[in-house]
């Protein structure tokens, strides 16, 4: 298990099981190091509209295996914990309340 730090200063767990799940998707090959970078220095972070304890960390990559895409790292923050649920490439970010950068 890896312990990463997000842009808010929280420690975030990344289990071997979750990393294996993320890397099962061929388009995520070579993106493992980017998970940590996006948590630490995202372009922006949004609160999930479907789960108040979930944050979506986004960064745009002009060149991925499937073209220009947003990398979204999904982190759940239950009380006294934080862990990566999944990460994926997407054409556009989901709607939600912007949490980062702070205004």
N, C-alpha and C. Protein backbone atom coordinates (compact mmCIF):
# COMPACT_ATOMS: atom_id res chain seq x y z
N UNK A 1 0.85 -1.18 0.00
CA UNK A 1 0.00 0.00 0.00
C UNK A 1 0.89 1.24 0.00
N UNK A 2 0.50 2.23 -0.79
CA UNK A 2 1.21 3.49 -0.85
C UNK A 2 0.41 4.55 -0.11
N UNK A 3 1.13 5.47 0.53
CA UNK A 3 0.50 6.62 1.16
C UNK A 3 0.94 7.85 0.37
N UNK A 4 -0.03 8.53 -0.22
CA UNK A 4 0.22 9.73 -1.03
C UNK A 4 -0.32 10.94 -0.28
N UNK A 5 0.06 12.12 -0.72
CA UNK A 5 -0.45 13.34 -0.11
C UNK A 5 -1.20 14.15 -1.15
N UNK A 6 -2.38 14.67 -0.78
CA UNK A 6 -3.15 15.48 -1.71
C UNK A 6 -2.81 16.96 -1.54
N UNK A 7 -3.40 17.80 -2.37
CA UNK A 7 -3.13 19.24 -2.36
C UNK A 7 -3.66 19.92 -1.10
N UNK A 8 -4.50 19.24 -0.34
CA UNK A 8 -5.04 19.77 0.90
C UNK A 8 -4.20 19.38 2.11
N UNK A 9 -3.15 18.57 1.89
CA UNK A 9 -2.29 18.12 2.97
C UNK A 9 -2.75 16.84 3.65
N UNK A 10 -3.77 16.16 3.10
CA UNK A 10 -4.25 14.90 3.67
C UNK A 10 -3.43 13.73 3.13
N UNK A 11 -3.26 12.71 3.96
CA UNK A 11 -2.64 11.47 3.50
C UNK A 11 -3.73 10.60 2.88
N UNK A 12 -3.43 10.06 1.69
CA UNK A 12 -4.39 9.28 0.91
C UNK A 12 -3.80 7.91 0.64
N UNK A 13 -4.56 6.87 0.97
CA UNK A 13 -4.10 5.50 0.74
C UNK A 13 -4.38 5.07 -0.70
N UNK A 14 -3.39 4.35 -1.28
CA UNK A 14 -3.58 3.69 -2.57
C UNK A 14 -3.19 2.23 -2.37
N UNK A 15 -4.20 1.35 -2.31
CA UNK A 15 -3.93 -0.06 -2.07
C UNK A 15 -3.49 -0.74 -3.37
N UNK A 16 -2.80 -1.86 -3.21
CA UNK A 16 -2.38 -2.64 -4.38
C UNK A 16 -3.60 -3.08 -5.20
N UNK A 17 -4.68 -3.43 -4.51
CA UNK A 17 -5.90 -3.88 -5.21
C UNK A 17 -6.47 -2.76 -6.08
N UNK A 18 -6.54 -1.55 -5.53
CA UNK A 18 -7.09 -0.41 -6.30
C UNK A 18 -6.17 -0.05 -7.46
N UNK A 19 -4.86 -0.08 -7.23
CA UNK A 19 -3.91 0.21 -8.31
C UNK A 19 -4.05 -0.82 -9.43
N UNK A 20 -4.16 -2.09 -9.07
CA UNK A 20 -4.34 -3.15 -10.07
C UNK A 20 -5.63 -2.92 -10.85
N UNK A 21 -6.70 -2.54 -10.16
CA UNK A 21 -7.98 -2.25 -10.82
C UNK A 21 -7.81 -1.11 -11.84
N UNK A 22 -7.15 -0.05 -11.43
CA UNK A 22 -6.94 1.10 -12.32
C UNK A 22 -6.13 0.70 -13.54
N UNK A 23 -5.07 -0.06 -13.33
CA UNK A 23 -4.16 -0.41 -14.43
C UNK A 23 -4.69 -1.56 -15.30
N UNK A 24 -5.83 -2.16 -14.93
CA UNK A 24 -6.47 -3.15 -15.80
C UNK A 24 -6.93 -2.51 -17.11
N UNK A 25 -7.18 -1.23 -17.08
CA UNK A 25 -7.65 -0.51 -18.26
C UNK A 25 -6.44 -0.13 -19.12
N UNK A 26 -6.36 -0.64 -20.35
CA UNK A 26 -5.17 -0.42 -21.18
C UNK A 26 -4.80 1.05 -21.38
N UNK A 27 -5.78 1.93 -21.43
CA UNK A 27 -5.50 3.35 -21.65
C UNK A 27 -4.79 3.99 -20.45
N UNK A 28 -4.78 3.30 -19.30
CA UNK A 28 -4.12 3.83 -18.11
C UNK A 28 -2.65 3.37 -17.99
N UNK A 29 -2.19 2.59 -18.96
CA UNK A 29 -0.80 2.14 -18.95
C UNK A 29 0.13 3.34 -18.93
N UNK A 30 1.12 3.30 -18.05
CA UNK A 30 2.09 4.38 -17.96
C UNK A 30 1.61 5.60 -17.18
N UNK A 31 0.42 5.54 -16.59
CA UNK A 31 -0.13 6.69 -15.87
C UNK A 31 0.01 6.57 -14.35
N UNK A 32 0.65 5.50 -13.87
CA UNK A 32 0.74 5.27 -12.42
C UNK A 32 1.37 6.46 -11.69
N UNK A 33 2.48 6.98 -12.18
CA UNK A 33 3.14 8.10 -11.51
C UNK A 33 2.28 9.36 -11.55
N UNK A 34 1.42 9.47 -12.55
CA UNK A 34 0.57 10.66 -12.67
C UNK A 34 -0.50 10.71 -11.60
N UNK A 35 -0.89 9.57 -11.05
CA UNK A 35 -1.88 9.56 -9.97
C UNK A 35 -1.39 10.40 -8.80
N UNK A 36 -0.14 10.17 -8.41
CA UNK A 36 0.43 10.92 -7.30
C UNK A 36 0.56 12.40 -7.65
N UNK A 37 1.00 12.70 -8.87
CA UNK A 37 1.19 14.08 -9.28
C UNK A 37 -0.13 14.85 -9.30
N UNK A 38 -1.18 14.21 -9.81
CA UNK A 38 -2.48 14.88 -9.90
C UNK A 38 -3.07 15.11 -8.51
N UNK A 39 -2.86 14.19 -7.59
CA UNK A 39 -3.32 14.42 -6.22
C UNK A 39 -2.61 15.63 -5.60
N UNK A 40 -1.33 15.74 -5.84
CA UNK A 40 -0.50 16.78 -5.23
C UNK A 40 -0.69 18.14 -5.89
N UNK A 41 -0.82 18.14 -7.24
CA UNK A 41 -0.91 19.40 -7.99
C UNK A 41 -1.99 19.31 -9.08
N UNK A 42 -3.24 19.20 -8.68
CA UNK A 42 -4.31 19.09 -9.68
C UNK A 42 -4.55 20.44 -10.36
N UNK A 43 -5.13 20.35 -11.55
CA UNK A 43 -5.57 21.59 -12.20
C UNK A 43 -6.76 22.14 -11.42
N UNK A 44 -7.66 21.23 -11.00
CA UNK A 44 -8.76 21.60 -10.10
C UNK A 44 -9.33 20.35 -9.44
N UNK A 45 -10.08 20.59 -8.36
CA UNK A 45 -10.73 19.52 -7.61
C UNK A 45 -12.19 19.89 -7.45
N UNK A 46 -13.07 18.90 -7.67
CA UNK A 46 -14.50 19.11 -7.48
C UNK A 46 -15.06 18.10 -6.50
N UNK A 47 -16.10 18.52 -5.78
CA UNK A 47 -16.85 17.62 -4.91
C UNK A 47 -17.81 16.83 -5.79
N UNK A 48 -17.92 15.55 -5.54
CA UNK A 48 -18.86 14.71 -6.27
C UNK A 48 -20.29 15.15 -5.97
N UNK A 49 -21.14 15.15 -6.99
CA UNK A 49 -22.54 15.49 -6.78
C UNK A 49 -23.34 14.30 -6.24
N UNK A 50 -22.78 13.09 -6.38
CA UNK A 50 -23.52 11.90 -5.92
C UNK A 50 -23.06 11.39 -4.55
N UNK A 51 -21.88 11.84 -4.07
CA UNK A 51 -21.38 11.39 -2.78
C UNK A 51 -20.57 12.54 -2.17
N UNK A 52 -21.08 13.12 -1.12
CA UNK A 52 -20.47 14.30 -0.50
C UNK A 52 -19.07 14.03 0.04
N UNK A 53 -18.72 12.76 0.29
CA UNK A 53 -17.41 12.41 0.83
C UNK A 53 -16.38 12.14 -0.27
N UNK A 54 -16.75 12.32 -1.53
CA UNK A 54 -15.86 12.02 -2.65
C UNK A 54 -15.39 13.31 -3.32
N UNK A 55 -14.09 13.34 -3.64
CA UNK A 55 -13.49 14.46 -4.37
C UNK A 55 -12.92 13.94 -5.68
N UNK A 56 -13.05 14.74 -6.72
CA UNK A 56 -12.56 14.39 -8.05
C UNK A 56 -11.41 15.32 -8.40
N UNK A 57 -10.21 14.77 -8.55
CA UNK A 57 -9.00 15.53 -8.86
C UNK A 57 -8.76 15.43 -10.37
N UNK A 58 -8.62 16.57 -11.04
CA UNK A 58 -8.50 16.59 -12.50
C UNK A 58 -7.22 17.26 -12.99
N UNK A 59 -6.71 16.71 -14.08
CA UNK A 59 -5.60 17.32 -14.81
C UNK A 59 -5.76 16.93 -16.28
N UNK A 60 -5.54 17.89 -17.19
CA UNK A 60 -5.65 17.60 -18.62
C UNK A 60 -4.31 17.15 -19.17
N UNK A 61 -4.33 16.08 -19.97
CA UNK A 61 -3.15 15.56 -20.66
C UNK A 61 -3.41 15.63 -22.16
N UNK A 62 -2.59 16.40 -22.87
CA UNK A 62 -2.77 16.57 -24.31
C UNK A 62 -2.48 15.28 -25.06
N UNK A 63 -1.58 14.44 -24.51
CA UNK A 63 -1.22 13.20 -25.18
C UNK A 63 -1.33 12.02 -24.22
N UNK A 64 -2.32 11.18 -24.46
CA UNK A 64 -2.43 9.89 -23.77
C UNK A 64 -2.52 8.84 -24.86
N UNK A 65 -2.64 7.58 -24.47
CA UNK A 65 -2.79 6.52 -25.47
C UNK A 65 -4.06 6.68 -26.30
N UNK A 66 -5.03 7.45 -25.78
CA UNK A 66 -6.31 7.64 -26.49
C UNK A 66 -6.55 9.12 -26.81
N UNK A 67 -5.47 9.88 -26.96
CA UNK A 67 -5.60 11.30 -27.33
C UNK A 67 -5.68 12.20 -26.12
N UNK A 68 -6.04 13.45 -26.36
CA UNK A 68 -6.15 14.43 -25.28
C UNK A 68 -7.31 14.10 -24.36
N UNK A 69 -7.02 13.90 -23.09
CA UNK A 69 -8.05 13.51 -22.11
C UNK A 69 -7.75 14.13 -20.75
N UNK A 70 -8.78 14.18 -19.92
CA UNK A 70 -8.65 14.56 -18.52
C UNK A 70 -8.39 13.29 -17.72
N UNK A 71 -7.40 13.34 -16.84
CA UNK A 71 -7.21 12.26 -15.87
C UNK A 71 -7.99 12.66 -14.63
N UNK A 72 -8.88 11.78 -14.18
CA UNK A 72 -9.66 12.00 -12.97
C UNK A 72 -9.24 10.96 -11.93
N UNK A 73 -8.78 11.44 -10.77
CA UNK A 73 -8.46 10.57 -9.65
C UNK A 73 -9.55 10.77 -8.61
N UNK A 74 -10.24 9.68 -8.27
CA UNK A 74 -11.40 9.72 -7.38
C UNK A 74 -10.96 9.30 -5.98
N UNK A 75 -11.15 10.21 -5.00
CA UNK A 75 -10.73 9.94 -3.63
C UNK A 75 -11.94 10.06 -2.71
N UNK A 76 -12.10 9.07 -1.84
CA UNK A 76 -13.17 9.09 -0.84
C UNK A 76 -12.55 9.48 0.51
N UNK A 77 -13.26 10.37 1.22
CA UNK A 77 -12.81 10.90 2.51
C UNK A 77 -13.83 10.57 3.60
N UNK A 78 -13.92 9.28 4.02
CA UNK A 78 -14.76 9.00 5.19
C UNK A 78 -14.09 9.62 6.42
N UNK A 79 -14.78 9.68 7.56
CA UNK A 79 -14.16 10.27 8.75
C UNK A 79 -12.82 9.59 9.09
N UNK A 80 -11.80 10.40 9.28
CA UNK A 80 -10.47 9.94 9.70
C UNK A 80 -9.78 9.00 8.71
N UNK A 81 -10.06 9.14 7.42
CA UNK A 81 -9.45 8.28 6.40
C UNK A 81 -9.52 8.99 5.06
N UNK A 82 -8.76 8.49 4.09
CA UNK A 82 -8.84 8.96 2.71
C UNK A 82 -8.20 7.88 1.84
N UNK A 83 -8.89 7.50 0.75
CA UNK A 83 -8.33 6.47 -0.13
C UNK A 83 -8.79 6.68 -1.56
N UNK A 84 -7.93 6.25 -2.49
CA UNK A 84 -8.27 6.33 -3.91
C UNK A 84 -9.24 5.20 -4.22
N UNK A 85 -10.35 5.57 -4.83
CA UNK A 85 -11.36 4.59 -5.25
C UNK A 85 -11.02 4.08 -6.64
N UNK A 86 -10.74 5.03 -7.56
CA UNK A 86 -10.41 4.68 -8.94
C UNK A 86 -9.78 5.89 -9.61
N UNK A 87 -9.36 5.70 -10.83
CA UNK A 87 -8.87 6.79 -11.67
C UNK A 87 -9.16 6.40 -13.11
N UNK A 88 -9.45 7.39 -13.93
CA UNK A 88 -9.81 7.10 -15.32
C UNK A 88 -9.57 8.33 -16.19
N UNK A 89 -9.53 8.10 -17.50
CA UNK A 89 -9.43 9.18 -18.48
C UNK A 89 -10.83 9.50 -18.98
N UNK A 90 -11.09 10.78 -19.20
CA UNK A 90 -12.42 11.19 -19.62
C UNK A 90 -12.33 12.38 -20.57
N UNK A 91 -13.35 12.56 -21.40
CA UNK A 91 -13.39 13.68 -22.34
C UNK A 91 -13.67 15.00 -21.65
N UNK A 92 -14.49 14.96 -20.58
CA UNK A 92 -14.79 16.21 -19.88
C UNK A 92 -15.04 15.95 -18.40
N UNK A 93 -14.67 16.91 -17.56
CA UNK A 93 -14.88 16.76 -16.12
C UNK A 93 -16.36 16.74 -15.75
N UNK A 94 -16.67 16.07 -14.67
CA UNK A 94 -18.04 16.07 -14.16
C UNK A 94 -18.34 17.41 -13.50
N UNK A 95 -19.61 17.74 -13.43
CA UNK A 95 -20.03 18.97 -12.75
C UNK A 95 -19.97 18.76 -11.24
N UNK A 96 -19.76 19.83 -10.52
CA UNK A 96 -19.73 19.76 -9.07
C UNK A 96 -19.13 21.03 -8.52
N UNK A 97 -19.18 21.14 -7.20
CA UNK A 97 -18.64 22.31 -6.52
C UNK A 97 -17.11 22.31 -6.61
N UNK A 98 -16.54 23.42 -7.06
CA UNK A 98 -15.09 23.54 -7.13
C UNK A 98 -14.51 23.74 -5.73
N UNK A 99 -13.51 22.91 -5.38
CA UNK A 99 -12.86 22.99 -4.08
C UNK A 99 -11.41 23.45 -4.18
N UNK A 100 -10.84 23.37 -5.36
CA UNK A 100 -9.44 23.74 -5.59
C UNK A 100 -9.32 24.22 -7.00
N UNK A 101 -8.61 25.24 -7.34
CA UNK A 101 -7.90 26.05 -6.36
C UNK A 101 -8.88 26.88 -5.54
N UNK A 102 -8.46 27.21 -4.32
CA UNK A 102 -9.34 28.00 -3.46
C UNK A 102 -9.32 29.45 -3.93
N UNK A 103 -10.43 30.10 -3.78
CA UNK A 103 -10.56 31.47 -4.25
C UNK A 103 -10.31 32.45 -3.13
